[in-house]
PDB file of N, CA and C in Angstrom:
ATOM      1  N   MET A   1      -7.111 -22.916   6.979  1.00  0.00           N
ATOM      2  CA  MET A   1      -7.588 -22.777   5.637  1.00  0.00           C
ATOM      3  C   MET A   1      -7.464 -21.659   5.067  1.00  0.00           C
ATOM      4  N   MET A   2      -6.865 -21.326   3.795  1.00  0.00           N
ATOM      5  CA  MET A   2      -6.818 -20.045   2.883  1.00  0.00           C
ATOM      6  C   MET A   2      -8.350 -19.835   2.253  1.00  0.00           C
ATOM      7  N   PRO A   3      -8.885 -18.794   2.363  1.00  0.00           N
ATOM      8  CA  PRO A   3     -10.571 -18.582   1.675  1.00  0.00           C
ATOM      9  C   PRO A   3     -10.054 -18.436   0.032  1.00  0.00           C
ATOM     10  N   LYS A   4     -10.938 -18.932  -0.858  1.00  0.00           N
ATOM     11  CA  LYS A   4     -10.642 -18.856  -2.170  1.00  0.00           C
ATOM     12  C   LYS A   4     -10.812 -17.503  -2.578  1.00  0.00           C
ATOM     13  N   VAL A   5      -9.401 -17.025  -3.700  1.00  0.00           N
ATOM     14  CA  VAL A   5      -9.503 -15.937  -3.740  1.00  0.00           C
ATOM     15  C   VAL A   5     -10.186 -15.989  -5.117  1.00  0.00           C
ATOM     16  N   ILE A   6     -11.063 -14.883  -5.732  1.00  0.00           N
ATOM     17  CA  ILE A   6     -11.481 -14.588  -6.760  1.00  0.00           C
ATOM     18  C   ILE A   6     -10.752 -13.803  -7.762  1.00  0.00           C
ATOM     19  N   LEU A   7     -10.209 -14.071  -9.167  1.00  0.00           N
ATOM     20  CA  LEU A   7      -9.259 -13.305  -9.569  1.00  0.00           C
ATOM     21  C   LEU A   7     -10.127 -12.625 -10.884  1.00  0.00           C
ATOM     22  N   GLN A   8     -11.342 -12.862 -11.379  1.00  0.00           N
ATOM     23  CA  GLN A   8     -11.860 -12.292 -12.262  1.00  0.00           C
ATOM     24  C   GLN A   8     -12.879 -11.520 -11.615  1.00  0.00           C
ATOM     25  N   SER A   9     -13.011  -9.921 -12.129  1.00  0.00           N
ATOM     26  CA  SER A   9     -13.631  -9.090 -11.485  1.00  0.00           C
ATOM     27  C   SER A   9     -14.352  -8.406 -13.010  1.00  0.00           C
ATOM     28  N   GLU A  10     -15.644  -7.919 -12.979  1.00  0.00           N
ATOM     29  CA  GLU A  10     -15.970  -7.129 -14.143  1.00  0.00           C
ATOM     30  C   GLU A  10     -16.091  -5.900 -13.878  1.00  0.00           C
ATOM     31  N   LEU A  11     -14.818  -4.873 -14.550  1.00  0.00           N
ATOM     32  CA  LEU A  11     -14.811  -3.381 -14.586  1.00  0.00           C
ATOM     33  C   LEU A  11     -15.880  -2.686 -15.128  1.00  0.00           C
ATOM     34  N   THR A  12     -16.578  -1.810 -14.450  1.00  0.00           N
ATOM     35  CA  THR A  12     -17.469  -1.127 -15.401  1.00  0.00           C
ATOM     36  C   THR A  12     -17.135   0.453 -15.465  1.00  0.00           C
ATOM     37  N   CYS A  13     -17.093   1.109 -16.586  1.00  0.00           N
ATOM     38  CA  CYS A  13     -16.822   2.207 -16.374  1.00  0.00           C
ATOM     39  C   CYS A  13     -17.901   3.307 -16.133  1.00  0.00           C
ATOM     40  N   PRO A  14     -17.357   4.236 -15.214  1.00  0.00           N
ATOM     41  CA  PRO A  14     -18.423   5.049 -14.629  1.00  0.00           C
ATOM     42  C   PRO A  14     -18.612   6.282 -15.902  1.00  0.00           C
ATOM     43  N   GLU A  15     -18.188   6.229 -16.807  1.00  0.00           N
ATOM     44  CA  GLU A  15     -18.430   7.205 -17.610  1.00  0.00           C
ATOM     45  C   GLU A  15     -19.309   6.633 -19.002  1.00  0.00           C
ATOM     46  N   CYS A  16     -19.233   5.502 -19.617  1.00  0.00           N
ATOM     47  CA  CYS A  16     -19.942   5.342 -20.470  1.00  0.00           C
ATOM     48  C   CYS A  16     -20.856   3.965 -20.354  1.00  0.00           C
ATOM     49  N   GLY A  17     -20.411   3.237 -18.898  1.00  0.00           N
ATOM     50  CA  GLY A  17     -21.176   2.008 -18.760  1.00  0.00           C
ATOM     51  C   GLY A  17     -20.715   0.940 -19.011  1.00  0.00           C
ATOM     52  N   HIS A  18     -19.467   0.884 -20.491  1.00  0.00           N
ATOM     53  CA  HIS A  18     -18.988  -0.116 -20.686  1.00  0.00           C
ATOM     54  C   HIS A  18     -18.427  -1.280 -19.754  1.00  0.00           C
ATOM     55  N   LYS A  19     -18.789  -2.579 -19.760  1.00  0.00           N
ATOM     56  CA  LYS A  19     -18.288  -3.619 -18.734  1.00  0.00           C
ATOM     57  C   LYS A  19     -17.398  -4.660 -19.761  1.00  0.00           C
ATOM     58  N   LYS A  20     -16.457  -4.984 -18.847  1.00  0.00           N
ATOM     59  CA  LYS A  20     -15.233  -6.000 -19.224  1.00  0.00           C
ATOM     60  C   LYS A  20     -14.643  -6.842 -18.415  1.00  0.00           C
ATOM     61  N   MET A  21     -15.009  -8.126 -18.347  1.00  0.00           N
ATOM     62  CA  MET A  21     -14.135  -9.052 -17.546  1.00  0.00           C
ATOM     63  C   MET A  21     -12.767  -9.141 -17.585  1.00  0.00           C
ATOM     64  N   GLU A  22     -11.966  -8.710 -16.556  1.00  0.00           N
ATOM     65  CA  GLU A  22     -10.934  -8.807 -16.605  1.00  0.00           C
ATOM     66  C   GLU A  22     -10.009  -9.576 -15.216  1.00  0.00           C
ATOM     67  N   THR A  23      -8.870 -10.018 -15.543  1.00  0.00           N
ATOM     68  CA  THR A  23      -8.222 -10.549 -14.557  1.00  0.00           C
ATOM     69  C   THR A  23      -7.417 -10.110 -13.659  1.00  0.00           C
ATOM     70  N   MET A  24      -7.557 -10.020 -12.346  1.00  0.00           N
ATOM     71  CA  MET A  24      -6.804  -9.131 -11.705  1.00  0.00           C
ATOM     72  C   MET A  24      -5.357  -9.665 -11.183  1.00  0.00           C
ATOM     73  N   PRO A  25      -4.291  -8.606 -11.226  1.00  0.00           N
ATOM     74  CA  PRO A  25      -3.057  -8.927 -10.685  1.00  0.00           C
ATOM     75  C   PRO A  25      -3.060  -9.600  -9.311  1.00  0.00           C
ATOM     76  N   THR A  26      -2.039 -10.340  -8.913  1.00  0.00           N
ATOM     77  CA  THR A  26      -2.099 -10.767  -7.549  1.00  0.00           C
ATOM     78  C   THR A  26      -0.968 -10.151  -6.775  1.00  0.00           C
ATOM     79  N   ASP A  27       0.277  -9.712  -7.624  1.00  0.00           N
ATOM     80  CA  ASP A  27       1.119  -9.177  -7.102  1.00  0.00           C
ATOM     81  C   ASP A  27       1.530  -7.480  -6.665  1.00  0.00           C
ATOM     82  N   ALA A  28       0.573  -6.747  -7.413  1.00  0.00           N
ATOM     83  CA  ALA A  28       0.243  -5.460  -7.063  1.00  0.00           C
ATOM     84  C   ALA A  28      -1.016  -4.946  -7.470  1.00  0.00           C
ATOM     85  N   CYS A  29      -1.152  -3.596  -7.058  1.00  0.00           N
ATOM     86  CA  CYS A  29      -2.329  -2.986  -7.312  1.00  0.00           C
ATOM     87  C   CYS A  29      -2.260  -2.524  -8.521  1.00  0.00           C
ATOM     88  N   GLN A  30      -3.526  -2.282  -9.204  1.00  0.00           N
ATOM     89  CA  GLN A  30      -3.873  -1.919 -10.618  1.00  0.00           C
ATOM     90  C   GLN A  30      -4.424  -0.457 -10.119  1.00  0.00           C
ATOM     91  N   TRP A  31      -3.579   0.427 -10.419  1.00  0.00           N
ATOM     92  CA  TRP A  31      -4.144   1.967 -10.200  1.00  0.00           C
ATOM     93  C   TRP A  31      -4.822   2.707 -11.421  1.00  0.00           C
ATOM     94  N   PHE A  32      -4.578   2.098 -12.361  1.00  0.00           N
ATOM     95  CA  PHE A  32      -4.974   2.896 -13.868  1.00  0.00           C
ATOM     96  C   PHE A  32      -6.094   1.724 -14.766  1.00  0.00           C
ATOM     97  N   TYR A  33      -6.697   2.104 -15.323  1.00  0.00           N
ATOM     98  CA  TYR A  33      -7.185   1.061 -16.235  1.00  0.00           C
ATOM     99  C   TYR A  33      -7.957   1.950 -17.480  1.00  0.00           C
ATOM    100  N   GLU A  34      -7.329   1.555 -18.592  1.00  0.00           N
ATOM    101  CA  GLU A  34      -8.500   2.676 -20.015  1.00  0.00           C
ATOM    102  C   GLU A  34      -9.448   1.439 -20.447  1.00  0.00           C
ATOM    103  N   CYS A  35     -10.621   2.539 -20.384  1.00  0.00           N
ATOM    104  CA  CYS A  35     -11.909   1.770 -20.853  1.00  0.00           C
ATOM    105  C   CYS A  35     -11.608   1.532 -22.247  1.00  0.00           C
ATOM    106  N   LYS A  36     -12.094   0.296 -22.644  1.00  0.00           N
ATOM    107  CA  LYS A  36     -11.996  -0.305 -23.773  1.00  0.00           C
ATOM    108  C   LYS A  36     -13.208   0.346 -24.688  1.00  0.00           C
ATOM    109  N   GLN A  37     -13.964   1.042 -24.363  1.00  0.00           N
ATOM    110  CA  GLN A  37     -14.759   1.690 -25.355  1.00  0.00           C
ATOM    111  C   GLN A  37     -14.400   3.075 -25.453  1.00  0.00           C
ATOM    112  N   CYS A  38     -14.357   3.861 -24.463  1.00  0.00           N
ATOM    113  CA  CYS A  38     -14.654   5.584 -24.562  1.00  0.00           C
ATOM    114  C   CYS A  38     -13.142   6.016 -23.871  1.00  0.00           C
ATOM    115  N   GLN A  39     -11.959   5.231 -23.894  1.00  0.00           N
ATOM    116  CA  GLN A  39     -10.539   5.205 -23.692  1.00  0.00           C
ATOM    117  C   GLN A  39     -10.871   6.240 -22.259  1.00  0.00           C
ATOM    118  N   THR A  40     -11.551   6.370 -21.285  1.00  0.00           N
ATOM    119  CA  THR A  40     -11.469   6.969 -20.086  1.00  0.00           C
ATOM    120  C   THR A  40     -10.617   6.219 -19.300  1.00  0.00           C
ATOM    121  N   LEU A  41      -9.449   7.122 -18.687  1.00  0.00           N
ATOM    122  CA  LEU A  41      -8.753   6.520 -17.891  1.00  0.00           C
ATOM    123  C   LEU A  41      -9.236   6.436 -16.736  1.00  0.00           C
ATOM    124  N   LEU A  42      -9.543   5.439 -15.840  1.00  0.00           N
ATOM    125  CA  LEU A  42      -9.898   5.325 -14.837  1.00  0.00           C
ATOM    126  C   LEU A  42      -8.951   5.343 -13.689  1.00  0.00           C
ATOM    127  N   LYS A  43      -8.923   5.730 -12.553  1.00  0.00           N
ATOM    128  CA  LYS A  43      -8.134   5.807 -11.313  1.00  0.00           C
ATOM    129  C   LYS A  43      -9.021   5.419  -9.873  1.00  0.00           C
ATOM    130  N   PRO A  44      -8.173   4.796  -9.105  1.00  0.00           N
ATOM    131  CA  PRO A  44      -9.428   4.566  -7.767  1.00  0.00           C
ATOM    132  C   PRO A  44      -9.651   5.596  -7.264  1.00  0.00           C
ATOM    133  N   LYS A  45     -11.030   5.419  -6.608  1.00  0.00           N
ATOM    134  CA  LYS A  45     -11.676   6.669  -6.117  1.00  0.00           C
ATOM    135  C   LYS A  45     -11.258   6.385  -4.270  1.00  0.00           C
ATOM    136  N   ALA A  46     -11.373   7.974  -3.861  1.00  0.00           N
ATOM    137  CA  ALA A  46     -10.461   8.077  -2.754  1.00  0.00           C
ATOM    138  C   ALA A  46     -10.799   7.091  -1.491  1.00  0.00           C
ATOM    139  N   GLY A  47     -10.099   6.503  -0.994  1.00  0.00           N
ATOM    140  CA  GLY A  47     -10.344   5.678   0.176  1.00  0.00           C
ATOM    141  C   GLY A  47      -9.857   4.285  -0.764  1.00  0.00           C
ATOM    142  N   ASP A  48     -10.069   3.898  -1.853  1.00  0.00           N
ATOM    143  CA  ASP A  48      -9.480   2.496  -2.408  1.00  0.00           C
ATOM    144  C   ASP A  48      -8.598   2.379  -2.839  1.00  0.00           C
ATOM    145  N   CYS A  49      -8.256   1.103  -2.825  1.00  0.00           N
ATOM    146  CA  CYS A  49      -6.696   0.810  -3.045  1.00  0.00           C
ATOM    147  C   CYS A  49      -6.407   0.578  -4.827  1.00  0.00           C
ATOM    148  N   CYS A  50      -7.331   0.293  -5.268  1.00  0.00           N
ATOM    149  CA  CYS A  50      -6.999   0.153  -7.264  1.00  0.00           C
ATOM    150  C   CYS A  50      -8.475   0.134  -7.832  1.00  0.00           C
ATOM    151  N   VAL A  51      -8.180   0.222  -9.104  1.00  0.00           N
ATOM    152  CA  VAL A  51      -9.557   0.386  -9.811  1.00  0.00           C
ATOM    153  C   VAL A  51     -10.649  -0.708  -9.791  1.00  0.00           C
ATOM    154  N   TYR A  52      -9.967  -1.971  -9.227  1.00  0.00           N
ATOM    155  CA  TYR A  52     -10.958  -3.289  -9.150  1.00  0.00           C
ATOM    156  C   TYR A  52     -11.752  -2.672  -7.675  1.00  0.00           C
ATOM    157  N   CYS A  53     -11.161  -2.346  -6.465  1.00  0.00           N
ATOM    158  CA  CYS A  53     -11.891  -2.163  -5.427  1.00  0.00           C
ATOM    159  C   CYS A  53     -13.150  -0.649  -5.554  1.00  0.00           C
ATOM    160  N   SER A  54     -12.976   0.077  -6.840  1.00  0.00           N
ATOM    161  CA  SER A  54     -13.957   0.994  -7.204  1.00  0.00           C
ATOM    162  C   SER A  54     -14.871   0.849  -7.941  1.00  0.00           C
ATOM    163  N   TYR A  55     -14.211  -0.185  -9.206  1.00  0.00           N
ATOM    164  CA  TYR A  55     -15.191  -0.114 -10.271  1.00  0.00           C
ATOM    165  C   TYR A  55     -15.446  -1.620 -10.798  1.00  0.00           C
ATOM    166  N   GLY A  56     -15.122  -2.541  -9.984  1.00  0.00           N
ATOM    167  CA  GLY A  56     -15.342  -3.985 -10.296  1.00  0.00           C
ATOM    168  C   GLY A  56     -16.392  -4.357  -9.383  1.00  0.00           C
ATOM    169  N   SER A  57     -16.664  -5.891  -9.765  1.00  0.00           N
ATOM    170  CA  SER A  57     -17.816  -6.469  -9.170  1.00  0.00           C
ATOM    171  C   SER A  57     -17.055  -7.463  -8.424  1.00  0.00           C
ATOM    172  N   VAL A  58     -15.710  -7.316  -8.083  1.00  0.00           N
ATOM    173  CA  VAL A  58     -14.909  -7.955  -7.198  1.00  0.00           C
ATOM    174  C   VAL A  58     -13.946  -7.154  -6.917  1.00  0.00           C
ATOM    175  N   PRO A  59     -13.613  -7.282  -5.397  1.00  0.00           N
ATOM    176  CA  PRO A  59     -12.617  -6.687  -4.879  1.00  0.00           C
ATOM    177  C   PRO A  59     -11.357  -7.269  -5.172  1.00  0.00           C
ATOM    178  N   CYS A  60     -10.055  -6.406  -5.205  1.00  0.00           N
ATOM    179  CA  CYS A  60      -8.617  -7.097  -5.593  1.00  0.00           C
ATOM    180  C   CYS A  60      -8.566  -8.332  -4.233  1.00  0.00           C
ATOM    181  N   PRO A  61      -7.758  -9.417  -4.598  1.00  0.00           N
ATOM    182  CA  PRO A  61      -7.345 -10.332  -3.881  1.00  0.00           C
ATOM    183  C   PRO A  61      -6.745  -9.915  -2.500  1.00  0.00           C
ATOM    184  N   PRO A  62      -5.910  -8.894  -2.244  1.00  0.00           N
ATOM    185  CA  PRO A  62      -5.372  -8.654  -0.724  1.00  0.00           C
ATOM    186  C   PRO A  62      -7.040  -8.144  -0.332  1.00  0.00           C
ATOM    187  N   ILE A  63      -7.708  -7.294  -0.805  1.00  0.00           N
ATOM    188  CA  ILE A  63      -8.798  -6.833   0.275  1.00  0.00           C
ATOM    189  C   ILE A  63     -10.145  -8.364   0.643  1.00  0.00           C
ATOM    190  N   GLN A  64      -9.685  -9.251  -0.470  1.00  0.00           N
ATOM    191  CA  GLN A  64     -10.702 -10.443  -0.043  1.00  0.00           C
ATOM    192  C   GLN A  64      -9.947 -11.330   0.784  1.00  0.00           C
ATOM    193  N   LEU A  65      -8.840 -11.115   0.997  1.00  0.00           N
ATOM    194  CA  LEU A  65      -8.081 -12.013   2.068  1.00  0.00           C
ATOM    195  C   LEU A  65      -8.051 -10.869   3.460  1.00  0.00           C
ATOM    196  N   ALA A  66      -7.961  -9.734   3.437  1.00  0.00           N
ATOM    197  CA  ALA A  66      -8.227  -9.029   4.483  1.00  0.00           C
ATOM    198  C   ALA A  66      -9.000  -7.728   4.315  1.00  0.00           C
ATOM    199  N   PRO A  67     -10.412  -8.273   4.239  1.00  0.00           N
ATOM    200  CA  PRO A  67     -11.624  -6.857   3.837  1.00  0.00           C
ATOM    201  C   PRO A  67     -11.393  -5.915   5.482  1.00  0.00           C
ATOM    202  N   GLU A  68     -10.737  -6.410   6.465  1.00  0.00           N
ATOM    203  CA  GLU A  68     -10.714  -5.105   7.513  1.00  0.00           C
ATOM    204  C   GLU A  68      -9.771  -4.233   7.333  1.00  0.00           C
ATOM    205  N   SER A  69      -8.458  -4.133   5.904  1.00  0.00           N
ATOM    206  CA  SER A  69      -7.728  -3.535   5.851  1.00  0.00           C
ATOM    207  C   SER A  69      -8.007  -2.335   4.629  1.00  0.00           C
ATOM    208  N   LYS A  70      -9.196  -2.606   3.999  1.00  0.00           N
ATOM    209  CA  LYS A  70      -9.431  -1.547   3.088  1.00  0.00           C
ATOM    210  C   LYS A  70      -8.609  -0.702   2.153  1.00  0.00           C
ATOM    211  N   GLY A  71      -7.786  -1.445   1.759  1.00  0.00           N
ATOM    212  CA  GLY A  71      -6.718  -0.845   1.062  1.00  0.00           C
ATOM    213  C   GLY A  71      -5.455  -0.159   1.353  1.00  0.00           C
ATOM    214  N   LYS A  72      -5.509  -0.393   2.627  1.00  0.00           N
ATOM    215  CA  LYS A  72      -4.375   0.476   3.721  1.00  0.00           C
ATOM    216  C   LYS A  72      -3.309  -0.677   4.106  1.00  0.00           C
ATOM    217  N   GLY A  73      -2.319  -0.303   4.362  1.00  0.00           N
ATOM    218  CA  GLY A  73      -1.036  -0.958   4.916  1.00  0.00           C
ATOM    219  C   GLY A  73      -0.636  -2.024   3.919  1.00  0.00           C
ATOM    220  N   ASP A  74      -0.524  -3.300   4.014  1.00  0.00           N
ATOM    221  CA  ASP A  74      -0.186  -4.272   3.087  1.00  0.00           C
ATOM    222  C   ASP A  74      -0.764  -4.691   1.948  1.00  0.00           C
ATOM    223  N   CYS A  75      -1.785  -4.163   1.406  1.00  0.00           N
ATOM    224  CA  CYS A  75      -2.836  -4.407   0.431  1.00  0.00           C
ATOM    225  C   CYS A  75      -1.867  -3.884  -0.898  1.00  0.00           C
ATOM    226  N   CYS A  76      -2.332  -5.077  -1.549  1.00  0.00           N
ATOM    227  CA  CYS A  76      -1.641  -5.231  -3.106  1.00  0.00           C
ATOM    228  C   CYS A  76      -0.159  -5.289  -2.897  1.00  0.00           C
ATOM    229  N   GLY A  77       0.334  -5.888  -1.893  1.00  0.00           N
ATOM    230  CA  GLY A  77       2.093  -5.729  -2.131  1.00  0.00           C
ATOM    231  C   GLY A  77       2.849  -4.615  -1.779  1.00  0.00           C
ATOM    232  N   ALA A  78       2.129  -3.499  -1.248  1.00  0.00           N
ATOM    233  CA  ALA A  78       2.448  -2.181  -0.874  1.00  0.00           C
ATOM    234  C   ALA A  78       3.579  -2.539   0.427  1.00  0.00           C
TER     235      ALA A  78
END
């Protein structure tokens, strides 16, 4: 049985602290995200595969399904 994947994640801007609930893509990594408040362009932290793994309340779907991959290999449809 496949674990239930959560598709909603709350992104928090590291610059201004603004929080926004977003739906994560299931077919690709989201490498960039523009803060809706301060327009800072967020990029993944070193070692993370996407902005959801770096700034989200829930990691991206591929990491939820295979947490041991930590964004490497087949993560995010790569």
